[in-house]
Each structure stands twice: as C-alpha cells, then as structure tokens.
Amino acid sequence: MKRRGFIQVSTLGAASSILVPKTVLASSTSMAGGLYYTKESPGRWNKKVGGHLPEISVAKGKSGTTIEVKTAHGMTGYEHYIVKHIALNDKYEFINEKMFDPMKDKAAISQFSLGDYTGRIHVLSVCNKHDSWLASSEI
C-alpha cells in the first residue's frame, strides 16, 4: 500500500471510530436487556417479570401529580430485596429515588411528587440479584 493510501485509510478509520458510536447512541431509544429489563424484554430473567417490574399508579390532585410505585417482590433481608426505585422524566433524566432498607421496609412501595410535570414517566426498580427493571406511564 502506498503511503498516501495508508494515511487516507487510517484517517477514515479514526474518524469513523469517533463518529459511529455517537450516531449509534443518538439513534438508540431502548437499552432493554442491556442496562435494564422490561416486560417486553426480560432477557435472562424471563421468569422474574412479575416480582420485579414496577407498577406505576398516577394520582392528580390540587397540589399536582403524584405517582405511587409498587414492586411485588419480597423483602427477605439483605439476601434478596428491592434496593430502590428511581423516577426518571421522558428524557431518562433523574427526578428522584427512594432507597429501601429490607430490615425495616416490608414492601417496595414509594411515592414521588411530580408537581405540574406532564409527559412520560419512567421508573426503575432495582433488585440486588435480578438487576434493574423499567416501567413507563403517561402523566
């Protein structure tokens, strides 16, 4: 290979390694089965959906919107429990979280005040053994 051709190919390869990951990440709307699991994409935990997928209830009142999140999962001490719930907005940006103490909390239930927020809300339920599970709801 001639020197000029080698430089062109090398430059093209370097540029693509910088640009391609940004393009792929920018177009990716779902990381289900990668960073988190969902009802539709339970991955290796396909038999664990019922006890790990968070359930979101929406209540609108005079002081704004509140959501209640429940995960139907046992809290068996530090051996196996739901570590926390995380509320995210429609851009998957952090809103709030609730940490659980399996020695004190008998159930994984949390409430989040959203004020006048409207749009899609996402909630992660994090299990110490079976990873993170995502559910979404429209506000």
C-alpha atoms as a PDB file:
ATOM      1  CA  MET A   1       0.000   0.000   0.000  1.00  0.00           C
ATOM      2  CA  LYS A   2       1.318   3.424  -0.861  1.00  0.00           C
ATOM      3  CA  ARG A   3       1.896   5.938   1.897  1.00  0.00           C
ATOM      4  CA  ARG A   4      -0.895   8.287   0.705  1.00  0.00           C
ATOM      5  CA  GLY A   5      -3.436   5.424   0.594  1.00  0.00           C
ATOM      6  CA  PHE A   6      -2.380   4.239   4.034  1.00  0.00           C
ATOM      7  CA  ILE A   7      -2.845   7.729   5.507  1.00  0.00           C
ATOM      8  CA  GLN A   8      -6.295   8.085   3.895  1.00  0.00           C
ATOM      9  CA  VAL A   9      -7.482   4.701   5.205  1.00  0.00           C
ATOM     10  CA  SER A  10      -6.055   5.403   8.662  1.00  0.00           C
ATOM     11  CA  THR A  11      -7.735   8.807   8.817  1.00  0.00           C
ATOM     12  CA  LEU A  12     -11.061   7.359   7.672  1.00  0.00           C
ATOM     13  CA  GLY A  13     -10.840   4.582  10.287  1.00  0.00           C
ATOM     14  CA  ALA A  14     -10.051   7.046  13.076  1.00  0.00           C
ATOM     15  CA  ALA A  15     -12.901   9.354  12.039  1.00  0.00           C
ATOM     16  CA  SER A  16     -15.423   6.514  11.875  1.00  0.00           C
ATOM     17  CA  SER A  17     -14.455   5.278  15.333  1.00  0.00           C
ATOM     18  CA  ILE A  18     -15.263   8.718  16.701  1.00  0.00           C
ATOM     19  CA  LEU A  19     -18.460   9.352  14.724  1.00  0.00           C
ATOM     20  CA  VAL A  20     -20.114   5.922  14.660  1.00  0.00           C
ATOM     21  CA  PRO A  21     -20.584   5.486  18.434  1.00  0.00           C
ATOM     22  CA  LYS A  22     -22.245   8.919  18.674  1.00  0.00           C
ATOM     23  CA  THR A  23     -24.545   8.084  15.775  1.00  0.00           C
ATOM     24  CA  VAL A  24     -25.485   4.716  17.251  1.00  0.00           C
ATOM     25  CA  LEU A  25     -26.111   6.148  20.717  1.00  0.00           C
ATOM     26  CA  ALA A  26     -28.093   9.076  19.351  1.00  0.00           C
ATOM     27  CA  SER A  27     -30.432   6.792  17.425  1.00  0.00           C
ATOM     28  CA  SER A  28     -30.822   4.229  20.204  1.00  0.00           C
ATOM     29  CA  THR A  29     -34.111   4.607  22.049  1.00  0.00           C
ATOM     30  CA  SER A  30     -34.038   1.380  24.024  1.00  0.00           C
ATOM     31  CA  MET A  31     -31.391  -0.364  26.019  1.00  0.00           C
ATOM     32  CA  ALA A  32     -33.778  -3.024  27.260  1.00  0.00           C
ATOM     33  CA  GLY A  33     -31.908  -6.190  28.065  1.00  0.00           C
ATOM     34  CA  GLY A  34     -28.667  -4.225  28.295  1.00  0.00           C
ATOM     35  CA  LEU A  35     -28.822  -1.669  31.061  1.00  0.00           C
ATOM     36  CA  TYR A  36     -32.284  -2.613  32.287  1.00  0.00           C
ATOM     37  CA  TYR A  37     -35.035  -5.150  31.649  1.00  0.00           C
ATOM     38  CA  THR A  38     -38.675  -4.588  30.709  1.00  0.00           C
ATOM     39  CA  LYS A  39     -41.855  -6.662  30.461  1.00  0.00           C
ATOM     40  CA  GLU A  40     -41.266  -6.961  26.707  1.00  0.00           C
ATOM     41  CA  SER A  41     -37.518  -7.611  27.038  1.00  0.00           C
ATOM     42  CA  PRO A  42     -36.896  -9.610  30.234  1.00  0.00           C
ATOM     43  CA  GLY A  43     -33.679 -11.095  28.883  1.00  0.00           C
ATOM     44  CA  ARG A  44     -32.193 -13.813  31.065  1.00  0.00           C
ATOM     45  CA  TRP A  45     -34.759 -13.075  33.785  1.00  0.00           C
ATOM     46  CA  ASN A  46     -37.869 -14.002  31.731  1.00  0.00           C
ATOM     47  CA  LYS A  47     -39.350 -15.902  34.707  1.00  0.00           C
ATOM     48  CA  LYS A  48     -38.821 -12.958  37.085  1.00  0.00           C
ATOM     49  CA  VAL A  49     -41.008 -10.283  35.453  1.00  0.00           C
ATOM     50  CA  GLY A  50     -43.934 -10.484  37.902  1.00  0.00           C
ATOM     51  CA  GLY A  51     -41.881  -9.807  41.014  1.00  0.00           C
ATOM     52  CA  HIS A  52     -39.517  -7.231  39.581  1.00  0.00           C
ATOM     53  CA  LEU A  53     -41.425  -4.989  37.175  1.00  0.00           C
ATOM     54  CA  PRO A  54     -42.546  -1.794  38.945  1.00  0.00           C
ATOM     55  CA  GLU A  55     -46.240  -0.873  38.822  1.00  0.00           C
ATOM     56  CA  ILE A  56     -46.994   2.834  38.489  1.00  0.00           C
ATOM     57  CA  SER A  57     -50.225   4.449  39.748  1.00  0.00           C
ATOM     58  CA  VAL A  58     -50.867   8.099  38.854  1.00  0.00           C
ATOM     59  CA  ALA A  59     -52.926  10.458  41.025  1.00  0.00           C
ATOM     60  CA  LYS A  60     -53.664  14.064  40.073  1.00  0.00           C
ATOM     61  CA  GLY A  61     -54.695  16.491  42.759  1.00  0.00           C
ATOM     62  CA  LYS A  62     -54.764  20.177  43.644  1.00  0.00           C
ATOM     63  CA  SER A  63     -51.094  20.151  44.597  1.00  0.00           C
ATOM     64  CA  GLY A  64     -50.033  18.430  41.368  1.00  0.00           C
ATOM     65  CA  THR A  65     -49.341  14.910  40.220  1.00  0.00           C
ATOM     66  CA  THR A  66     -48.126  12.123  42.471  1.00  0.00           C
ATOM     67  CA  ILE A  67     -47.129   8.628  41.458  1.00  0.00           C
ATOM     68  CA  GLU A  68     -47.059   5.546  43.638  1.00  0.00           C
ATOM     69  CA  VAL A  69     -44.671   2.784  42.642  1.00  0.00           C
ATOM     70  CA  LYS A  70     -45.019  -0.797  43.862  1.00  0.00           C
ATOM     71  CA  THR A  71     -42.809  -3.758  43.126  1.00  0.00           C
ATOM     72  CA  ALA A  72     -44.401  -7.100  44.062  1.00  0.00           C
ATOM     73  CA  HIS A  73     -41.164  -8.505  45.446  1.00  0.00           C
ATOM     74  CA  GLY A  74     -40.423  -9.985  48.828  1.00  0.00           C
ATOM     75  CA  MET A  75     -38.055  -8.191  51.170  1.00  0.00           C
ATOM     76  CA  THR A  76     -36.089 -11.114  52.646  1.00  0.00           C
ATOM     77  CA  GLY A  77     -33.428  -9.189  54.467  1.00  0.00           C
ATOM     78  CA  TYR A  78     -30.204  -8.322  52.712  1.00  0.00           C
ATOM     79  CA  GLU A  79     -30.236 -11.711  50.981  1.00  0.00           C
ATOM     80  CA  HIS A  80     -32.765 -10.690  48.304  1.00  0.00           C
ATOM     81  CA  TYR A  81     -34.651  -7.396  48.136  1.00  0.00           C
ATOM     82  CA  ILE A  82     -35.526  -4.306  46.100  1.00  0.00           C
ATOM     83  CA  VAL A  83     -32.742  -1.813  46.685  1.00  0.00           C
ATOM     84  CA  LYS A  84     -34.528   1.269  45.348  1.00  0.00           C
ATOM     85  CA  HIS A  85     -36.989   2.889  42.976  1.00  0.00           C
ATOM     86  CA  ILE A  86     -35.746   5.622  40.636  1.00  0.00           C
ATOM     87  CA  ALA A  87     -38.100   8.071  38.878  1.00  0.00           C
ATOM     88  CA  LEU A  88     -36.966   9.484  35.510  1.00  0.00           C
ATOM     89  CA  ASN A  89     -38.549  12.003  33.155  1.00  0.00           C
ATOM     90  CA  ASP A  90     -39.287  11.454  29.460  1.00  0.00           C
ATOM     91  CA  LYS A  91     -35.602  12.074  28.601  1.00  0.00           C
ATOM     92  CA  TYR A  92     -34.494   9.484  31.191  1.00  0.00           C
ATOM     93  CA  GLU A  93     -33.213  12.266  33.444  1.00  0.00           C
ATOM     94  CA  PHE A  94     -33.225  11.742  37.200  1.00  0.00           C
ATOM     95  CA  ILE A  95     -36.225  13.088  39.148  1.00  0.00           C
ATOM     96  CA  ASN A  96     -35.996  11.318  42.497  1.00  0.00           C
ATOM     97  CA  GLU A  97     -35.302   7.993  44.183  1.00  0.00           C
ATOM     98  CA  LYS A  98     -36.390   6.015  47.214  1.00  0.00           C
ATOM     99  CA  MET A  99     -33.928   3.653  48.910  1.00  0.00           C
ATOM    100  CA  PHE A 100     -35.254   0.653  50.834  1.00  0.00           C
ATOM    101  CA  ASP A 101     -33.971  -0.997  53.980  1.00  0.00           C
ATOM    102  CA  PRO A 102     -35.004  -4.670  53.831  1.00  0.00           C
ATOM    103  CA  MET A 103     -34.766  -4.918  57.613  1.00  0.00           C
ATOM    104  CA  LYS A 104     -37.376  -2.138  58.055  1.00  0.00           C
ATOM    105  CA  ASP A 105     -39.397  -1.963  54.811  1.00  0.00           C
ATOM    106  CA  LYS A 106     -41.876  -4.815  54.461  1.00  0.00           C
ATOM    107  CA  ALA A 107     -42.733  -3.890  50.857  1.00  0.00           C
ATOM    108  CA  ALA A 108     -41.153  -1.958  47.998  1.00  0.00           C
ATOM    109  CA  ILE A 109     -43.579   0.964  47.788  1.00  0.00           C
ATOM    110  CA  SER A 110     -42.641   4.564  47.092  1.00  0.00           C
ATOM    111  CA  GLN A 111     -44.351   7.853  46.288  1.00  0.00           C
ATOM    112  CA  PHE A 112     -42.996  10.679  44.181  1.00  0.00           C
ATOM    113  CA  SER A 113     -44.473  14.173  43.859  1.00  0.00           C
ATOM    114  CA  LEU A 114     -44.137  15.437  40.302  1.00  0.00           C
ATOM    115  CA  GLY A 115     -45.768  18.861  40.664  1.00  0.00           C
ATOM    116  CA  ASP A 116     -47.101  20.044  37.306  1.00  0.00           C
ATOM    117  CA  TYR A 117     -44.983  17.594  35.259  1.00  0.00           C
ATOM    118  CA  THR A 118     -46.724  16.139  32.201  1.00  0.00           C
ATOM    119  CA  GLY A 119     -45.479  13.613  29.704  1.00  0.00           C
ATOM    120  CA  ARG A 120     -43.969  10.189  30.025  1.00  0.00           C
ATOM    121  CA  ILE A 121     -42.528   9.000  33.331  1.00  0.00           C
ATOM    122  CA  HIS A 122     -40.145   6.060  33.693  1.00  0.00           C
ATOM    123  CA  VAL A 123     -39.456   4.132  36.877  1.00  0.00           C
ATOM    124  CA  LEU A 124     -36.634   1.718  37.600  1.00  0.00           C
ATOM    125  CA  SER A 125     -36.949  -0.964  40.252  1.00  0.00           C
ATOM    126  CA  VAL A 126     -33.516  -2.216  41.275  1.00  0.00           C
ATOM    127  CA  CYS A 127     -33.161  -5.741  42.714  1.00  0.00           C
ATOM    128  CA  ASN A 128     -29.933  -6.777  44.415  1.00  0.00           C
ATOM    129  CA  LYS A 129     -29.945 -10.093  42.499  1.00  0.00           C
ATOM    130  CA  HIS A 130     -32.004  -9.607  39.343  1.00  0.00           C
ATOM    131  CA  ASP A 131     -30.820  -6.228  38.058  1.00  0.00           C
ATOM    132  CA  SER A 132     -32.889  -3.151  37.112  1.00  0.00           C
ATOM    133  CA  TRP A 133     -36.405  -3.203  35.674  1.00  0.00           C
ATOM    134  CA  LEU A 134     -38.095  -0.349  33.817  1.00  0.00           C
ATOM    135  CA  ALA A 135     -41.773   0.508  33.503  1.00  0.00           C
ATOM    136  CA  SER A 136     -43.290   3.643  31.978  1.00  0.00           C
ATOM    137  CA  SER A 137     -46.529   5.559  32.239  1.00  0.00           C
ATOM    138  CA  GLU A 138     -48.081   8.647  30.706  1.00  0.00           C
ATOM    139  CA  ILE A 139     -48.881  11.543  33.054  1.00  0.00           C
END
